[in-house]
Amino acid sequence: MVKLIWTDQAITDIGDYIGENSEKYAKLTVKKLFERPEILKTFPQTGRIVPEKNEENLRELIEGNYRIIYEIVSADQINILTVYHSARDLKL
């Protein structure tokens, strides 16, 4: 099974989101954002290739209005790089 590693940047992105929204809605959204990548443990290539980068190992999952950007580092490791609101321009 693949190990998921959340980078400091991804955690910061989610933390920033919590501060901007209502507590109830934020809790529900954050829960979904943390749960969504669990599928990658079994199916690492589930997400689509990030169109802005067009690199096979750089992919994204969509959860609501958010893009969960991840990198397939090896057959055993995936790094969650960032969580971006889809209305923002992606900066990697």
PDB file of N, CA and C in Angstrom:
ATOM      1  N   MET A   1       0.839  -1.180   0.000  1.00  0.00           N
ATOM      2  CA  MET A   1       0.000   0.000   0.000  1.00  0.00           C
ATOM      3  C   MET A   1       0.888   1.250   0.000  1.00  0.00           C
ATOM      4  N   VAL A   2       0.416   2.268  -0.655  1.00  0.00           N
ATOM      5  CA  VAL A   2       1.143   3.526  -0.792  1.00  0.00           C
ATOM      6  C   VAL A   2       1.012   4.367   0.485  1.00  0.00           C
ATOM      7  N   LYS A   3       2.100   5.017   0.857  1.00  0.00           N
ATOM      8  CA  LYS A   3       2.095   5.919   2.007  1.00  0.00           C
ATOM      9  C   LYS A   3       1.821   7.339   1.513  1.00  0.00           C
ATOM     10  N   LEU A   4       0.845   8.009   2.137  1.00  0.00           N
ATOM     11  CA  LEU A   4       0.530   9.407   1.823  1.00  0.00           C
ATOM     12  C   LEU A   4       1.260  10.316   2.784  1.00  0.00           C
ATOM     13  N   ILE A   5       1.965  11.287   2.237  1.00  0.00           N
ATOM     14  CA  ILE A   5       2.667  12.268   3.062  1.00  0.00           C
ATOM     15  C   ILE A   5       2.108  13.648   2.735  1.00  0.00           C
ATOM     16  N   TRP A   6       1.556  14.299   3.736  1.00  0.00           N
ATOM     17  CA  TRP A   6       1.031  15.663   3.571  1.00  0.00           C
ATOM     18  C   TRP A   6       2.178  16.637   3.810  1.00  0.00           C
ATOM     19  N   THR A   7       2.487  17.453   2.826  1.00  0.00           N
ATOM     20  CA  THR A   7       3.551  18.444   2.986  1.00  0.00           C
ATOM     21  C   THR A   7       3.078  19.575   3.890  1.00  0.00           C
ATOM     22  N   ASP A   8       4.036  20.319   4.421  1.00  0.00           N
ATOM     23  CA  ASP A   8       3.697  21.483   5.248  1.00  0.00           C
ATOM     24  C   ASP A   8       2.830  22.469   4.460  1.00  0.00           C
ATOM     25  N   GLN A   9       3.134  22.627   3.173  1.00  0.00           N
ATOM     26  CA  GLN A   9       2.367  23.554   2.339  1.00  0.00           C
ATOM     27  C   GLN A   9       0.897  23.135   2.255  1.00  0.00           C
ATOM     28  N   ALA A  10       0.640  21.858   2.054  1.00  0.00           N
ATOM     29  CA  ALA A  10      -0.740  21.373   1.961  1.00  0.00           C
ATOM     30  C   ALA A  10      -1.482  21.604   3.270  1.00  0.00           C
ATOM     31  N   ILE A  11      -0.840  21.341   4.388  1.00  0.00           N
ATOM     32  CA  ILE A  11      -1.461  21.557   5.699  1.00  0.00           C
ATOM     33  C   ILE A  11      -1.734  23.044   5.902  1.00  0.00           C
ATOM     34  N   THR A  12      -0.795  23.895   5.518  1.00  0.00           N
ATOM     35  CA  THR A  12      -0.976  25.352   5.634  1.00  0.00           C
ATOM     36  C   THR A  12      -2.144  25.815   4.782  1.00  0.00           C
ATOM     37  N   ASP A  13      -2.251  25.284   3.565  1.00  0.00           N
ATOM     38  CA  ASP A  13      -3.353  25.660   2.675  1.00  0.00           C
ATOM     39  C   ASP A  13      -4.703  25.352   3.310  1.00  0.00           C
ATOM     40  N   ILE A  14      -4.822  24.189   3.919  1.00  0.00           N
ATOM     41  CA  ILE A  14      -6.075  23.817   4.575  1.00  0.00           C
ATOM     42  C   ILE A  14      -6.309  24.696   5.801  1.00  0.00           C
ATOM     43  N   GLY A  15      -5.262  24.964   6.564  1.00  0.00           N
ATOM     44  CA  GLY A  15      -5.380  25.833   7.736  1.00  0.00           C
ATOM     45  C   GLY A  15      -5.834  27.233   7.364  1.00  0.00           C
ATOM     46  N   ASP A  16      -5.319  27.744   6.248  1.00  0.00           N
ATOM     47  CA  ASP A  16      -5.738  29.065   5.773  1.00  0.00           C
ATOM     48  C   ASP A  16      -7.218  29.064   5.425  1.00  0.00           C
ATOM     49  N   TYR A  17      -7.680  27.970   4.857  1.00  0.00           N
ATOM     50  CA  TYR A  17      -9.094  27.854   4.495  1.00  0.00           C
ATOM     51  C   TYR A  17      -9.978  27.931   5.743  1.00  0.00           C
ATOM     52  N   ILE A  18      -9.578  27.243   6.792  1.00  0.00           N
ATOM     53  CA  ILE A  18     -10.379  27.226   8.020  1.00  0.00           C
ATOM     54  C   ILE A  18     -10.596  28.633   8.551  1.00  0.00           C
ATOM     55  N   GLY A  19      -9.562  29.458   8.476  1.00  0.00           N
ATOM     56  CA  GLY A  19      -9.655  30.810   9.004  1.00  0.00           C
ATOM     57  C   GLY A  19     -10.563  31.735   8.210  1.00  0.00           C
ATOM     58  N   GLU A  20     -10.891  31.354   6.986  1.00  0.00           N
ATOM     59  CA  GLU A  20     -11.666  32.245   6.119  1.00  0.00           C
ATOM     60  C   GLU A  20     -13.156  31.948   6.084  1.00  0.00           C
ATOM     61  N   ASN A  21     -13.589  30.844   6.651  1.00  0.00           N
ATOM     62  CA  ASN A  21     -14.973  30.422   6.485  1.00  0.00           C
ATOM     63  C   ASN A  21     -15.642  30.094   7.812  1.00  0.00           C
ATOM     64  N   SER A  22     -16.949  29.899   7.742  1.00  0.00           N
ATOM     65  CA  SER A  22     -17.695  29.555   8.949  1.00  0.00           C
ATOM     66  C   SER A  22     -17.171  28.250   9.526  1.00  0.00           C
ATOM     67  N   GLU A  23     -17.188  28.149  10.816  1.00  0.00           N
ATOM     68  CA  GLU A  23     -16.615  26.997  11.498  1.00  0.00           C
ATOM     69  C   GLU A  23     -17.286  25.684  11.074  1.00  0.00           C
ATOM     70  N   LYS A  24     -18.605  25.677  11.005  1.00  0.00           N
ATOM     71  CA  LYS A  24     -19.332  24.459  10.661  1.00  0.00           C
ATOM     72  C   LYS A  24     -18.989  24.001   9.243  1.00  0.00           C
ATOM     73  N   TYR A  25     -19.058  24.915   8.280  1.00  0.00           N
ATOM     74  CA  TYR A  25     -18.772  24.570   6.894  1.00  0.00           C
ATOM     75  C   TYR A  25     -17.303  24.184   6.735  1.00  0.00           C
ATOM     76  N   ALA A  26     -16.434  24.891   7.421  1.00  0.00           N
ATOM     77  CA  ALA A  26     -15.000  24.608   7.341  1.00  0.00           C
ATOM     78  C   ALA A  26     -14.700  23.196   7.829  1.00  0.00           C
ATOM     79  N   LYS A  27     -15.283  22.791   8.939  1.00  0.00           N
ATOM     80  CA  LYS A  27     -15.039  21.457   9.477  1.00  0.00           C
ATOM     81  C   LYS A  27     -15.456  20.368   8.484  1.00  0.00           C
ATOM     82  N   LEU A  28     -16.619  20.539   7.872  1.00  0.00           N
ATOM     83  CA  LEU A  28     -17.094  19.554   6.895  1.00  0.00           C
ATOM     84  C   LEU A  28     -16.178  19.488   5.680  1.00  0.00           C
ATOM     85  N   THR A  29     -15.781  20.637   5.187  1.00  0.00           N
ATOM     86  CA  THR A  29     -14.927  20.693   4.005  1.00  0.00           C
ATOM     87  C   THR A  29     -13.553  20.127   4.300  1.00  0.00           C
ATOM     88  N   VAL A  30     -12.974  20.504   5.412  1.00  0.00           N
ATOM     89  CA  VAL A  30     -11.643  20.016   5.784  1.00  0.00           C
ATOM     90  C   VAL A  30     -11.666  18.494   5.936  1.00  0.00           C
ATOM     91  N   LYS A  31     -12.698  17.969   6.533  1.00  0.00           N
ATOM     92  CA  LYS A  31     -12.829  16.517   6.681  1.00  0.00           C
ATOM     93  C   LYS A  31     -12.795  15.850   5.305  1.00  0.00           C
ATOM     94  N   LYS A  32     -13.552  16.383   4.363  1.00  0.00           N
ATOM     95  CA  LYS A  32     -13.579  15.827   3.007  1.00  0.00           C
ATOM     96  C   LYS A  32     -12.219  15.952   2.324  1.00  0.00           C
ATOM     97  N   LEU A  33     -11.543  17.077   2.545  1.00  0.00           N
ATOM     98  CA  LEU A  33     -10.232  17.286   1.916  1.00  0.00           C
ATOM     99  C   LEU A  33      -9.195  16.287   2.423  1.00  0.00           C
ATOM    100  N   PHE A  34      -9.286  15.914   3.683  1.00  0.00           N
ATOM    101  CA  PHE A  34      -8.357  14.930   4.232  1.00  0.00           C
ATOM    102  C   PHE A  34      -8.739  13.498   3.845  1.00  0.00           C
ATOM    103  N   GLU A  35     -10.034  13.244   3.678  1.00  0.00           N
ATOM    104  CA  GLU A  35     -10.485  11.892   3.339  1.00  0.00           C
ATOM    105  C   GLU A  35     -10.289  11.557   1.862  1.00  0.00           C
ATOM    106  N   ARG A  36     -10.467  12.532   0.991  1.00  0.00           N
ATOM    107  CA  ARG A  36     -10.443  12.290  -0.457  1.00  0.00           C
ATOM    108  C   ARG A  36      -9.177  11.572  -0.936  1.00  0.00           C
ATOM    109  N   PRO A  37      -7.986  11.956  -0.509  1.00  0.00           N
ATOM    110  CA  PRO A  37      -6.769  11.296  -1.013  1.00  0.00           C
ATOM    111  C   PRO A  37      -6.575   9.850  -0.533  1.00  0.00           C
ATOM    112  N   GLU A  38      -7.376   9.387   0.395  1.00  0.00           N
ATOM    113  CA  GLU A  38      -7.221   8.016   0.891  1.00  0.00           C
ATOM    114  C   GLU A  38      -7.331   7.001  -0.247  1.00  0.00           C
ATOM    115  N   ILE A  39      -8.080   7.300  -1.290  1.00  0.00           N
ATOM    116  CA  ILE A  39      -8.223   6.398  -2.441  1.00  0.00           C
ATOM    117  C   ILE A  39      -6.879   6.151  -3.122  1.00  0.00           C
ATOM    118  N   LEU A  40      -5.956   7.108  -2.978  1.00  0.00           N
ATOM    119  CA  LEU A  40      -4.652   6.996  -3.623  1.00  0.00           C
ATOM    120  C   LEU A  40      -3.813   5.854  -3.054  1.00  0.00           C
ATOM    121  N   LYS A  41      -4.108   5.431  -1.840  1.00  0.00           N
ATOM    122  CA  LYS A  41      -3.366   4.326  -1.232  1.00  0.00           C
ATOM    123  C   LYS A  41      -3.537   3.046  -2.049  1.00  0.00           C
ATOM    124  N   THR A  42      -4.691   2.909  -2.666  1.00  0.00           N
ATOM    125  CA  THR A  42      -4.979   1.733  -3.477  1.00  0.00           C
ATOM    126  C   THR A  42      -4.845   2.013  -4.972  1.00  0.00           C
ATOM    127  N   PHE A  43      -5.246   3.221  -5.378  1.00  0.00           N
ATOM    128  CA  PHE A  43      -5.240   3.601  -6.792  1.00  0.00           C
ATOM    129  C   PHE A  43      -4.492   4.919  -6.980  1.00  0.00           C
ATOM    130  N   PRO A  44      -3.160   4.890  -6.977  1.00  0.00           N
ATOM    131  CA  PRO A  44      -2.368   6.120  -6.995  1.00  0.00           C
ATOM    132  C   PRO A  44      -2.572   7.001  -8.222  1.00  0.00           C
ATOM    133  N   GLN A  45      -2.949   6.422  -9.338  1.00  0.00           N
ATOM    134  CA  GLN A  45      -3.102   7.217 -10.555  1.00  0.00           C
ATOM    135  C   GLN A  45      -4.551   7.591 -10.833  1.00  0.00           C
ATOM    136  N   THR A  46      -5.367   7.580  -9.801  1.00  0.00           N
ATOM    137  CA  THR A  46      -6.780   7.933  -9.947  1.00  0.00           C
ATOM    138  C   THR A  46      -6.966   9.354 -10.457  1.00  0.00           C
ATOM    139  N   GLY A  47      -6.186  10.273  -9.949  1.00  0.00           N
ATOM    140  CA  GLY A  47      -6.327  11.679 -10.331  1.00  0.00           C
ATOM    141  C   GLY A  47      -5.853  11.944 -11.748  1.00  0.00           C
ATOM    142  N   ARG A  48      -6.320  13.046 -12.278  1.00  0.00           N
ATOM    143  CA  ARG A  48      -5.884  13.425 -13.627  1.00  0.00           C
ATOM    144  C   ARG A  48      -4.538  14.152 -13.546  1.00  0.00           C
ATOM    145  N   ILE A  49      -3.830  14.157 -14.657  1.00  0.00           N
ATOM    146  CA  ILE A  49      -2.574  14.893 -14.751  1.00  0.00           C
ATOM    147  C   ILE A  49      -2.893  16.387 -14.644  1.00  0.00           C
ATOM    148  N   VAL A  50      -2.111  17.122 -13.863  1.00  0.00           N
ATOM    149  CA  VAL A  50      -2.324  18.564 -13.697  1.00  0.00           C
ATOM    150  C   VAL A  50      -2.073  19.233 -15.056  1.00  0.00           C
ATOM    151  N   PRO A  51      -3.112  19.835 -15.655  1.00  0.00           N
ATOM    152  CA  PRO A  51      -2.976  20.387 -17.005  1.00  0.00           C
ATOM    153  C   PRO A  51      -1.908  21.470 -17.137  1.00  0.00           C
ATOM    154  N   GLU A  52      -1.712  22.271 -16.096  1.00  0.00           N
ATOM    155  CA  GLU A  52      -0.730  23.354 -16.155  1.00  0.00           C
ATOM    156  C   GLU A  52       0.711  22.847 -16.230  1.00  0.00           C
ATOM    157  N   LYS A  53       0.938  21.625 -15.775  1.00  0.00           N
ATOM    158  CA  LYS A  53       2.294  21.069 -15.726  1.00  0.00           C
ATOM    159  C   LYS A  53       2.515  19.935 -16.729  1.00  0.00           C
ATOM    160  N   ASN A  54       1.469  19.171 -17.011  1.00  0.00           N
ATOM    161  CA  ASN A  54       1.520  18.069 -17.973  1.00  0.00           C
ATOM    162  C   ASN A  54       2.664  17.083 -17.680  1.00  0.00           C
ATOM    163  N   GLU A  55       2.801  16.711 -16.410  1.00  0.00           N
ATOM    164  CA  GLU A  55       3.793  15.726 -15.982  1.00  0.00           C
ATOM    165  C   GLU A  55       3.064  14.501 -15.444  1.00  0.00           C
ATOM    166  N   GLU A  56       3.469  13.339 -15.871  1.00  0.00           N
ATOM    167  CA  GLU A  56       2.794  12.087 -15.522  1.00  0.00           C
ATOM    168  C   GLU A  56       2.682  11.870 -14.006  1.00  0.00           C
ATOM    169  N   ASN A  57       3.689  12.257 -13.254  1.00  0.00           N
ATOM    170  CA  ASN A  57       3.689  11.998 -11.808  1.00  0.00           C
ATOM    171  C   ASN A  57       3.046  13.118 -10.986  1.00  0.00           C
ATOM    172  N   LEU A  58       2.626  14.203 -11.627  1.00  0.00           N
ATOM    173  CA  LEU A  58       1.980  15.320 -10.927  1.00  0.00           C
ATOM    174  C   LEU A  58       0.493  15.304 -11.277  1.00  0.00           C
ATOM    175  N   ARG A  59      -0.341  14.987 -10.285  1.00  0.00           N
ATOM    176  CA  ARG A  59      -1.761  14.749 -10.525  1.00  0.00           C
ATOM    177  C   ARG A  59      -2.618  15.508  -9.528  1.00  0.00           C
ATOM    178  N   GLU A  60      -3.928  15.458  -9.772  1.00  0.00           N
ATOM    179  CA  GLU A  60      -4.847  16.154  -8.870  1.00  0.00           C
ATOM    180  C   GLU A  60      -6.146  15.381  -8.717  1.00  0.00           C
ATOM    181  N   LEU A  61      -6.708  15.528  -7.531  1.00  0.00           N
ATOM    182  CA  LEU A  61      -8.052  15.066  -7.236  1.00  0.00           C
ATOM    183  C   LEU A  61      -8.905  16.311  -7.023  1.00  0.00           C
ATOM    184  N   ILE A  62     -10.149  16.236  -7.391  1.00  0.00           N
ATOM    185  CA  ILE A  62     -11.073  17.346  -7.178  1.00  0.00           C
ATOM    186  C   ILE A  62     -12.004  16.985  -6.029  1.00  0.00           C
ATOM    187  N   GLU A  63     -12.160  17.904  -5.099  1.00  0.00           N
ATOM    188  CA  GLU A  63     -13.108  17.752  -3.993  1.00  0.00           C
ATOM    189  C   GLU A  63     -13.858  19.067  -3.871  1.00  0.00           C
ATOM    190  N   GLY A  64     -15.101  19.078  -4.314  1.00  0.00           N
ATOM    191  CA  GLY A  64     -15.871  20.320  -4.310  1.00  0.00           C
ATOM    192  C   GLY A  64     -15.193  21.343  -5.195  1.00  0.00           C
ATOM    193  N   ASN A  65     -14.882  22.503  -4.646  1.00  0.00           N
ATOM    194  CA  ASN A  65     -14.209  23.572  -5.387  1.00  0.00           C
ATOM    195  C   ASN A  65     -12.691  23.539  -5.225  1.00  0.00           C
ATOM    196  N   TYR A  66     -12.165  22.445  -4.709  1.00  0.00           N
ATOM    197  CA  TYR A  66     -10.742  22.369  -4.384  1.00  0.00           C
ATOM    198  C   TYR A  66     -10.011  21.344  -5.228  1.00  0.00           C
ATOM    199  N   ARG A  67      -8.774  21.683  -5.551  1.00  0.00           N
ATOM    200  CA  ARG A  67      -7.865  20.800  -6.267  1.00  0.00           C
ATOM    201  C   ARG A  67      -6.824  20.319  -5.267  1.00  0.00           C
ATOM    202  N   ILE A  68      -6.755  19.017  -5.075  1.00  0.00           N
ATOM    203  CA  ILE A  68      -5.753  18.415  -4.200  1.00  0.00           C
ATOM    204  C   ILE A  68      -4.629  17.938  -5.117  1.00  0.00           C
ATOM    205  N   ILE A  69      -3.526  18.659  -5.110  1.00  0.00           N
ATOM    206  CA  ILE A  69      -2.414  18.381  -6.005  1.00  0.00           C
ATOM    207  C   ILE A  69      -1.436  17.433  -5.306  1.00  0.00           C
ATOM    208  N   TYR A  70      -1.086  16.344  -6.014  1.00  0.00           N
ATOM    209  CA  TYR A  70      -0.168  15.385  -5.417  1.00  0.00           C
ATOM    210  C   TYR A  70       0.869  14.926  -6.426  1.00  0.00           C
ATOM    211  N   GLU A  71       1.975  14.400  -5.876  1.00  0.00           N
ATOM    212  CA  GLU A  71       3.072  13.893  -6.690  1.00  0.00           C
ATOM    213  C   GLU A  71       3.288  12.426  -6.359  1.00  0.00           C
ATOM    214  N   ILE A  72       3.336  11.607  -7.385  1.00  0.00           N
ATOM    215  CA  ILE A  72       3.680  10.202  -7.194  1.00  0.00           C
ATOM    216  C   ILE A  72       5.202  10.133  -7.170  1.00  0.00           C
ATOM    217  N   VAL A  73       5.753   9.935  -5.981  1.00  0.00           N
ATOM    218  CA  VAL A  73       7.200   9.932  -5.783  1.00  0.00           C
ATOM    219  C   VAL A  73       7.778   8.566  -6.151  1.00  0.00           C
ATOM    220  N   SER A  74       7.085   7.515  -5.730  1.00  0.00           N
ATOM    221  CA  SER A  74       7.515   6.144  -6.014  1.00  0.00           C
ATOM    222  C   SER A  74       6.297   5.235  -5.912  1.00  0.00           C
ATOM    223  N   ALA A  75       6.511   3.954  -6.107  1.00  0.00           N
ATOM    224  CA  ALA A  75       5.412   2.994  -5.983  1.00  0.00           C
ATOM    225  C   ALA A  75       4.903   2.914  -4.548  1.00  0.00           C
ATOM    226  N   ASP A  76       5.694   3.430  -3.603  1.00  0.00           N
ATOM    227  CA  ASP A  76       5.341   3.343  -2.185  1.00  0.00           C
ATOM    228  C   ASP A  76       5.003   4.679  -1.534  1.00  0.00           C
ATOM    229  N   GLN A  77       5.164   5.785  -2.259  1.00  0.00           N
ATOM    230  CA  GLN A  77       4.977   7.100  -1.625  1.00  0.00           C
ATOM    231  C   GLN A  77       4.319   8.112  -2.560  1.00  0.00           C
ATOM    232  N   ILE A  78       3.347   8.827  -1.988  1.00  0.00           N
ATOM    233  CA  ILE A  78       2.700   9.956  -2.654  1.00  0.00           C
ATOM    234  C   ILE A  78       2.769  11.141  -1.711  1.00  0.00           C
ATOM    235  N   ASN A  79       3.196  12.283  -2.242  1.00  0.00           N
ATOM    236  CA  ASN A  79       3.219  13.522  -1.462  1.00  0.00           C
ATOM    237  C   ASN A  79       2.044  14.390  -1.872  1.00  0.00           C
ATOM    238  N   ILE A  80       1.242  14.793  -0.890  1.00  0.00           N
ATOM    239  CA  ILE A  80       0.180  15.761  -1.130  1.00  0.00           C
ATOM    240  C   ILE A  80       0.859  17.125  -1.065  1.00  0.00           C
ATOM    241  N   LEU A  81       0.914  17.822  -2.198  1.00  0.00           N
ATOM    242  CA  LEU A  81       1.700  19.048  -2.291  1.00  0.00           C
ATOM    243  C   LEU A  81       0.942  20.289  -1.855  1.00  0.00           C
ATOM    244  N   THR A  82      -0.305  20.410  -2.287  1.00  0.00           N
ATOM    245  CA  THR A  82      -1.068  21.612  -1.980  1.00  0.00           C
ATOM    246  C   THR A  82      -2.553  21.353  -2.171  1.00  0.00           C
ATOM    247  N   VAL A  83      -3.357  22.193  -1.572  1.00  0.00           N
ATOM    248  CA  VAL A  83      -4.801  22.176  -1.760  1.00  0.00           C
ATOM    249  C   VAL A  83      -5.180  23.567  -2.218  1.00  0.00           C
ATOM    250  N   TYR A  84      -5.708  23.656  -3.420  1.00  0.00           N
ATOM    251  CA  TYR A  84      -5.985  24.949  -4.059  1.00  0.00           C
ATOM    252  C   TYR A  84      -7.460  25.110  -4.352  1.00  0.00           C
ATOM    253  N   HIS A  85      -7.988  26.292  -4.107  1.00  0.00           N
ATOM    254  CA  HIS A  85      -9.344  26.593  -4.554  1.00  0.00           C
ATOM    255  C   HIS A  85      -9.298  26.726  -6.062  1.00  0.00           C
ATOM    256  N   SER A  86     -10.238  26.128  -6.740  1.00  0.00           N
ATOM    257  CA  SER A  86     -10.201  26.085  -8.205  1.00  0.00           C
ATOM    258  C   SER A  86     -10.325  27.446  -8.863  1.00  0.00           C
ATOM    259  N   ALA A  87     -10.770  28.467  -8.138  1.00  0.00           N
ATOM    260  CA  ALA A  87     -10.884  29.801  -8.712  1.00  0.00           C
ATOM    261  C   ALA A  87      -9.510  30.516  -8.766  1.00  0.00           C
ATOM    262  N   ARG A  88      -8.543  30.013  -8.027  1.00  0.00           N
ATOM    263  CA  ARG A  88      -7.217  30.627  -7.996  1.00  0.00           C
ATOM    264  C   ARG A  88      -6.324  30.035  -9.079  1.00  0.00           C
ATOM    265  N   ASP A  89      -5.365  30.809  -9.536  1.00  0.00           N
ATOM    266  CA  ASP A  89      -4.356  30.306 -10.466  1.00  0.00           C
ATOM    267  C   ASP A  89      -3.383  29.416  -9.711  1.00  0.00           C
ATOM    268  N   LEU A  90      -3.067  28.285 -10.314  1.00  0.00           N
ATOM    269  CA  LEU A  90      -2.159  27.341  -9.688  1.00  0.00           C
ATOM    270  C   LEU A  90      -0.727  27.829  -9.775  1.00  0.00           C
ATOM    271  N   LYS A  91      -0.039  27.824  -8.622  1.00  0.00           N
ATOM    272  CA  LYS A  91       1.375  28.198  -8.568  1.00  0.00           C
ATOM    273  C   LYS A  91       2.140  27.076  -7.896  1.00  0.00           C
ATOM    274  N   LEU A  92       2.870  26.332  -8.680  1.00  0.00           N
ATOM    275  CA  LEU A  92       3.687  25.232  -8.132  1.00  0.00           C
ATOM    276  C   LEU A  92       5.139  25.495  -8.408  1.00  0.00           C
TER     277      LEU A  92
END
